[in-house]
């Protein structure tokens, strides 16, 4: 869950050789979801982190 304001109306983001829609405030979204997303996590953090859960 994250604040709806991060999404805005969405905007195109460039990834290598393709474009995809992403949140307007991608920096706030990534910080909310992953903390300091510009730093590699430790191996322990990788084992502990559960990013998503699929609910049917």
PDB file of N, CA and C in Angstrom:
ATOM      1  N   UNK A   1       0.842  -1.172   0.000  1.00  0.00           N
ATOM      2  CA  UNK A   1       0.000   0.000   0.000  1.00  0.00           C
ATOM      3  C   UNK A   1       0.892   1.242   0.000  1.00  0.00           C
ATOM      4  N   UNK A   2       0.414   2.257  -0.690  1.00  0.00           N
ATOM      5  CA  UNK A   2       1.149   3.513  -0.759  1.00  0.00           C
ATOM      6  C   UNK A   2       0.160   4.624  -1.092  1.00  0.00           C
ATOM      7  N   UNK A   3       0.543   5.870  -0.805  1.00  0.00           N
ATOM      8  CA  UNK A   3      -0.364   6.987  -1.088  1.00  0.00           C
ATOM      9  C   UNK A   3      -0.674   7.112  -2.583  1.00  0.00           C
ATOM     10  N   UNK A   4      -1.927   7.316  -2.898  1.00  0.00           N
ATOM     11  CA  UNK A   4      -2.377   7.452  -4.284  1.00  0.00           C
ATOM     12  C   UNK A   4      -1.693   8.613  -4.996  1.00  0.00           C
ATOM     13  N   UNK A   5      -1.314   9.646  -4.240  1.00  0.00           N
ATOM     14  CA  UNK A   5      -0.698  10.822  -4.856  1.00  0.00           C
ATOM     15  C   UNK A   5       0.608  10.482  -5.573  1.00  0.00           C
ATOM     16  N   UNK A   6       1.271   9.393  -5.205  1.00  0.00           N
ATOM     17  CA  UNK A   6       2.500   8.992  -5.892  1.00  0.00           C
ATOM     18  C   UNK A   6       2.230   8.655  -7.360  1.00  0.00           C
ATOM     19  N   UNK A   7       1.044   8.122  -7.635  1.00  0.00           N
ATOM     20  CA  UNK A   7       0.708   7.711  -8.999  1.00  0.00           C
ATOM     21  C   UNK A   7       0.416   8.896  -9.905  1.00  0.00           C
ATOM     22  N   UNK A   8      -0.315   9.896  -9.402  1.00  0.00           N
ATOM     23  CA  UNK A   8      -0.711  11.016 -10.243  1.00  0.00           C
ATOM     24  C   UNK A   8      -1.471  10.497 -11.454  1.00  0.00           C
ATOM     25  N   UNK A   9      -1.199  11.058 -12.612  1.00  0.00           N
ATOM     26  CA  UNK A   9      -1.825  10.552 -13.836  1.00  0.00           C
ATOM     27  C   UNK A   9      -0.900   9.569 -14.552  1.00  0.00           C
ATOM     28  N   UNK A  10       0.272   9.380 -13.999  1.00  0.00           N
ATOM     29  CA  UNK A  10       1.257   8.479 -14.596  1.00  0.00           C
ATOM     30  C   UNK A  10       2.051   9.176 -15.685  1.00  0.00           C
ATOM     31  N   UNK A  11       3.231   8.655 -15.927  1.00  0.00           N
ATOM     32  CA  UNK A  11       4.036   9.192 -17.013  1.00  0.00           C
ATOM     33  C   UNK A  11       4.947   8.106 -17.551  1.00  0.00           C
ATOM     34  N   UNK A  12       5.379   8.297 -18.773  1.00  0.00           N
ATOM     35  CA  UNK A  12       6.231   7.316 -19.435  1.00  0.00           C
ATOM     36  C   UNK A  12       7.631   7.337 -18.819  1.00  0.00           C
ATOM     37  N   UNK A  13       8.131   6.148 -18.531  1.00  0.00           N
ATOM     38  CA  UNK A  13       9.488   5.966 -18.032  1.00  0.00           C
ATOM     39  C   UNK A  13      10.250   5.158 -19.080  1.00  0.00           C
ATOM     40  N   UNK A  14      11.505   5.470 -19.271  1.00  0.00           N
ATOM     41  CA  UNK A  14      12.322   4.750 -20.255  1.00  0.00           C
ATOM     42  C   UNK A  14      13.190   3.725 -19.531  1.00  0.00           C
ATOM     43  N   UNK A  15      13.113   2.472 -19.977  1.00  0.00           N
ATOM     44  CA  UNK A  15      13.907   1.378 -19.445  1.00  0.00           C
ATOM     45  C   UNK A  15      14.662   0.752 -20.611  1.00  0.00           C
ATOM     46  N   UNK A  16      15.959   1.002 -20.673  1.00  0.00           N
ATOM     47  CA  UNK A  16      16.787   0.460 -21.767  1.00  0.00           C
ATOM     48  C   UNK A  16      16.181   0.828 -23.107  1.00  0.00           C
ATOM     49  N   UNK A  17      15.584  -0.125 -23.805  1.00  0.00           N
ATOM     50  CA  UNK A  17      15.076   0.143 -25.149  1.00  0.00           C
ATOM     51  C   UNK A  17      13.551   0.139 -25.244  1.00  0.00           C
ATOM     52  N   UNK A  18      12.850   0.302 -24.123  1.00  0.00           N
ATOM     53  CA  UNK A  18      11.391   0.387 -24.196  1.00  0.00           C
ATOM     54  C   UNK A  18      10.871   1.392 -23.175  1.00  0.00           C
ATOM     55  N   UNK A  19       9.614   1.808 -23.364  1.00  0.00           N
ATOM     56  CA  UNK A  19       8.951   2.739 -22.461  1.00  0.00           C
ATOM     57  C   UNK A  19       7.817   2.016 -21.751  1.00  0.00           C
ATOM     58  N   UNK A  20       7.570   2.398 -20.506  1.00  0.00           N
ATOM     59  CA  UNK A  20       6.462   1.838 -19.739  1.00  0.00           C
ATOM     60  C   UNK A  20       5.858   2.953 -18.898  1.00  0.00           C
ATOM     61  N   UNK A  21       4.584   2.830 -18.586  1.00  0.00           N
ATOM     62  CA  UNK A  21       3.955   3.805 -17.710  1.00  0.00           C
ATOM     63  C   UNK A  21       4.392   3.556 -16.280  1.00  0.00           C
ATOM     64  N   UNK A  22       4.627   4.628 -15.554  1.00  0.00           N
ATOM     65  CA  UNK A  22       5.029   4.534 -14.161  1.00  0.00           C
ATOM     66  C   UNK A  22       4.412   5.660 -13.369  1.00  0.00           C
ATOM     67  N   UNK A  23       4.626   5.673 -12.065  1.00  0.00           N
ATOM     68  CA  UNK A  23       4.058   6.728 -11.232  1.00  0.00           C
ATOM     69  C   UNK A  23       4.689   8.090 -11.528  1.00  0.00           C
ATOM     70  N   UNK A  24       3.900   9.148 -11.341  1.00  0.00           N
ATOM     71  CA  UNK A  24       4.430  10.509 -11.503  1.00  0.00           C
ATOM     72  C   UNK A  24       5.617  10.739 -10.577  1.00  0.00           C
ATOM     73  N   UNK A  25       5.451  10.380  -9.304  1.00  0.00           N
ATOM     74  CA  UNK A  25       6.508  10.604  -8.316  1.00  0.00           C
ATOM     75  C   UNK A  25       7.205   9.275  -8.021  1.00  0.00           C
ATOM     76  N   UNK A  26       7.943   8.785  -9.023  1.00  0.00           N
ATOM     77  CA  UNK A  26       8.577   7.466  -8.879  1.00  0.00           C
ATOM     78  C   UNK A  26       9.577   7.433  -7.730  1.00  0.00           C
ATOM     79  N   UNK A  27      10.244   8.554  -7.451  1.00  0.00           N
ATOM     80  CA  UNK A  27      11.219   8.592  -6.361  1.00  0.00           C
ATOM     81  C   UNK A  27      10.532   8.353  -5.014  1.00  0.00           C
ATOM     82  N   UNK A  28       9.419   9.029  -4.759  1.00  0.00           N
ATOM     83  CA  UNK A  28       8.682   8.832  -3.506  1.00  0.00           C
ATOM     84  C   UNK A  28       8.146   7.405  -3.413  1.00  0.00           C
ATOM     85  N   UNK A  29       7.650   6.892  -4.544  1.00  0.00           N
ATOM     86  CA  UNK A  29       7.140   5.515  -4.566  1.00  0.00           C
ATOM     87  C   UNK A  29       8.245   4.520  -4.210  1.00  0.00           C
ATOM     88  N   UNK A  30       9.405   4.638  -4.869  1.00  0.00           N
ATOM     89  CA  UNK A  30      10.502   3.704  -4.619  1.00  0.00           C
ATOM     90  C   UNK A  30      11.032   3.814  -3.193  1.00  0.00           C
ATOM     91  N   UNK A  31      11.130   5.033  -2.662  1.00  0.00           N
ATOM     92  CA  UNK A  31      11.577   5.209  -1.274  1.00  0.00           C
ATOM     93  C   UNK A  31      10.581   4.589  -0.304  1.00  0.00           C
ATOM     94  N   UNK A  32       9.296   4.744  -0.592  1.00  0.00           N
ATOM     95  CA  UNK A  32       8.261   4.164   0.269  1.00  0.00           C
ATOM     96  C   UNK A  32       8.348   2.635   0.263  1.00  0.00           C
ATOM     97  N   UNK A  33       8.541   2.072  -0.921  1.00  0.00           N
ATOM     98  CA  UNK A  33       8.552   0.615  -1.055  1.00  0.00           C
ATOM     99  C   UNK A  33       9.867  -0.024  -0.605  1.00  0.00           C
ATOM    100  N   UNK A  34      11.001   0.651  -0.866  1.00  0.00           N
ATOM    101  CA  UNK A  34      12.297   0.008  -0.672  1.00  0.00           C
ATOM    102  C   UNK A  34      13.281   0.761   0.202  1.00  0.00           C
ATOM    103  N   UNK A  35      12.895   1.917   0.745  1.00  0.00           N
ATOM    104  CA  UNK A  35      13.845   2.700   1.527  1.00  0.00           C
ATOM    105  C   UNK A  35      14.854   3.356   0.599  1.00  0.00           C
ATOM    106  N   UNK A  36      16.123   3.272   0.936  1.00  0.00           N
ATOM    107  CA  UNK A  36      17.172   3.869   0.100  1.00  0.00           C
ATOM    108  C   UNK A  36      17.449   2.929  -1.074  1.00  0.00           C
ATOM    109  N   UNK A  37      16.627   3.038  -2.105  1.00  0.00           N
ATOM    110  CA  UNK A  37      16.690   2.121  -3.239  1.00  0.00           C
ATOM    111  C   UNK A  37      17.941   2.293  -4.097  1.00  0.00           C
ATOM    112  N   UNK A  38      18.728   3.311  -3.839  1.00  0.00           N
ATOM    113  CA  UNK A  38      19.959   3.518  -4.608  1.00  0.00           C
ATOM    114  C   UNK A  38      21.143   2.742  -4.020  1.00  0.00           C
ATOM    115  N   UNK A  39      20.939   2.100  -2.882  1.00  0.00           N
ATOM    116  CA  UNK A  39      21.979   1.301  -2.240  1.00  0.00           C
ATOM    117  C   UNK A  39      21.628  -0.179  -2.352  1.00  0.00           C
ATOM    118  N   UNK A  40      22.618  -1.024  -2.642  1.00  0.00           N
ATOM    119  CA  UNK A  40      22.376  -2.454  -2.685  1.00  0.00           C
ATOM    120  C   UNK A  40      22.062  -2.955  -1.279  1.00  0.00           C
ATOM    121  N   UNK A  41      21.029  -3.792  -1.148  1.00  0.00           N
ATOM    122  CA  UNK A  41      20.726  -4.360   0.173  1.00  0.00           C
ATOM    123  C   UNK A  41      21.742  -5.437   0.538  1.00  0.00           C
ATOM    124  N   UNK A  42      21.889  -5.652   1.829  1.00  0.00           N
ATOM    125  CA  UNK A  42      22.765  -6.744   2.279  1.00  0.00           C
ATOM    126  C   UNK A  42      22.077  -8.068   1.964  1.00  0.00           C
ATOM    127  N   UNK A  43      22.828  -9.154   1.995  1.00  0.00           N
ATOM    128  CA  UNK A  43      22.234 -10.465   1.710  1.00  0.00           C
ATOM    129  C   UNK A  43      21.164 -10.805   2.746  1.00  0.00           C
ATOM    130  N   UNK A  44      21.350 -10.361   3.972  1.00  0.00           N
ATOM    131  CA  UNK A  44      20.355 -10.599   5.022  1.00  0.00           C
ATOM    132  C   UNK A  44      19.061  -9.832   4.731  1.00  0.00           C
ATOM    133  N   UNK A  45      19.181  -8.587   4.289  1.00  0.00           N
ATOM    134  CA  UNK A  45      18.000  -7.796   3.936  1.00  0.00           C
ATOM    135  C   UNK A  45      17.245  -8.427   2.772  1.00  0.00           C
ATOM    136  N   UNK A  46      17.969  -8.991   1.826  1.00  0.00           N
ATOM    137  CA  UNK A  46      17.328  -9.638   0.685  1.00  0.00           C
ATOM    138  C   UNK A  46      16.503 -10.836   1.154  1.00  0.00           C
ATOM    139  N   UNK A  47      17.039 -11.621   2.086  1.00  0.00           N
ATOM    140  CA  UNK A  47      16.327 -12.793   2.593  1.00  0.00           C
ATOM    141  C   UNK A  47      15.076 -12.392   3.373  1.00  0.00           C
ATOM    142  N   UNK A  48      15.146 -11.279   4.117  1.00  0.00           N
ATOM    143  CA  UNK A  48      14.045 -10.860   4.982  1.00  0.00           C
ATOM    144  C   UNK A  48      12.932 -10.133   4.251  1.00  0.00           C
ATOM    145  N   UNK A  49      13.260  -9.441   3.185  1.00  0.00           N
ATOM    146  CA  UNK A  49      12.294  -8.571   2.516  1.00  0.00           C
ATOM    147  C   UNK A  49      11.285  -9.365   1.713  1.00  0.00           C
ATOM    148  N   UNK A  50      10.025  -9.110   1.961  1.00  0.00           N
ATOM    149  CA  UNK A  50       8.945  -9.689   1.163  1.00  0.00           C
ATOM    150  C   UNK A  50       8.254  -8.520   0.485  1.00  0.00           C
ATOM    151  N   UNK A  51       8.512  -8.335  -0.802  1.00  0.00           N
ATOM    152  CA  UNK A  51       8.036  -7.155  -1.504  1.00  0.00           C
ATOM    153  C   UNK A  51       6.552  -7.192  -1.828  1.00  0.00           C
ATOM    154  N   UNK A  52       6.075  -8.328  -2.262  1.00  0.00           N
ATOM    155  CA  UNK A  52       4.691  -8.427  -2.714  1.00  0.00           C
ATOM    156  C   UNK A  52       4.068  -9.726  -2.255  1.00  0.00           C
ATOM    157  N   UNK A  53       2.769  -9.707  -2.120  1.00  0.00           N
ATOM    158  CA  UNK A  53       2.030 -10.924  -1.810  1.00  0.00           C
ATOM    159  C   UNK A  53       0.816 -10.949  -2.730  1.00  0.00           C
ATOM    160  N   UNK A  54       0.584 -12.064  -3.393  1.00  0.00           N
ATOM    161  CA  UNK A  54      -0.565 -12.192  -4.286  1.00  0.00           C
ATOM    162  C   UNK A  54      -1.745 -12.693  -3.467  1.00  0.00           C
ATOM    163  N   UNK A  55      -2.831 -11.959  -3.537  1.00  0.00           N
ATOM    164  CA  UNK A  55      -4.063 -12.316  -2.804  1.00  0.00           C
ATOM    165  C   UNK A  55      -5.147 -12.594  -3.828  1.00  0.00           C
ATOM    166  N   UNK A  56      -5.698 -13.787  -3.780  1.00  0.00           N
ATOM    167  CA  UNK A  56      -6.796 -14.140  -4.708  1.00  0.00           C
ATOM    168  C   UNK A  56      -8.134 -13.745  -4.151  1.00  0.00           C
TER     169      UNK A  56
END
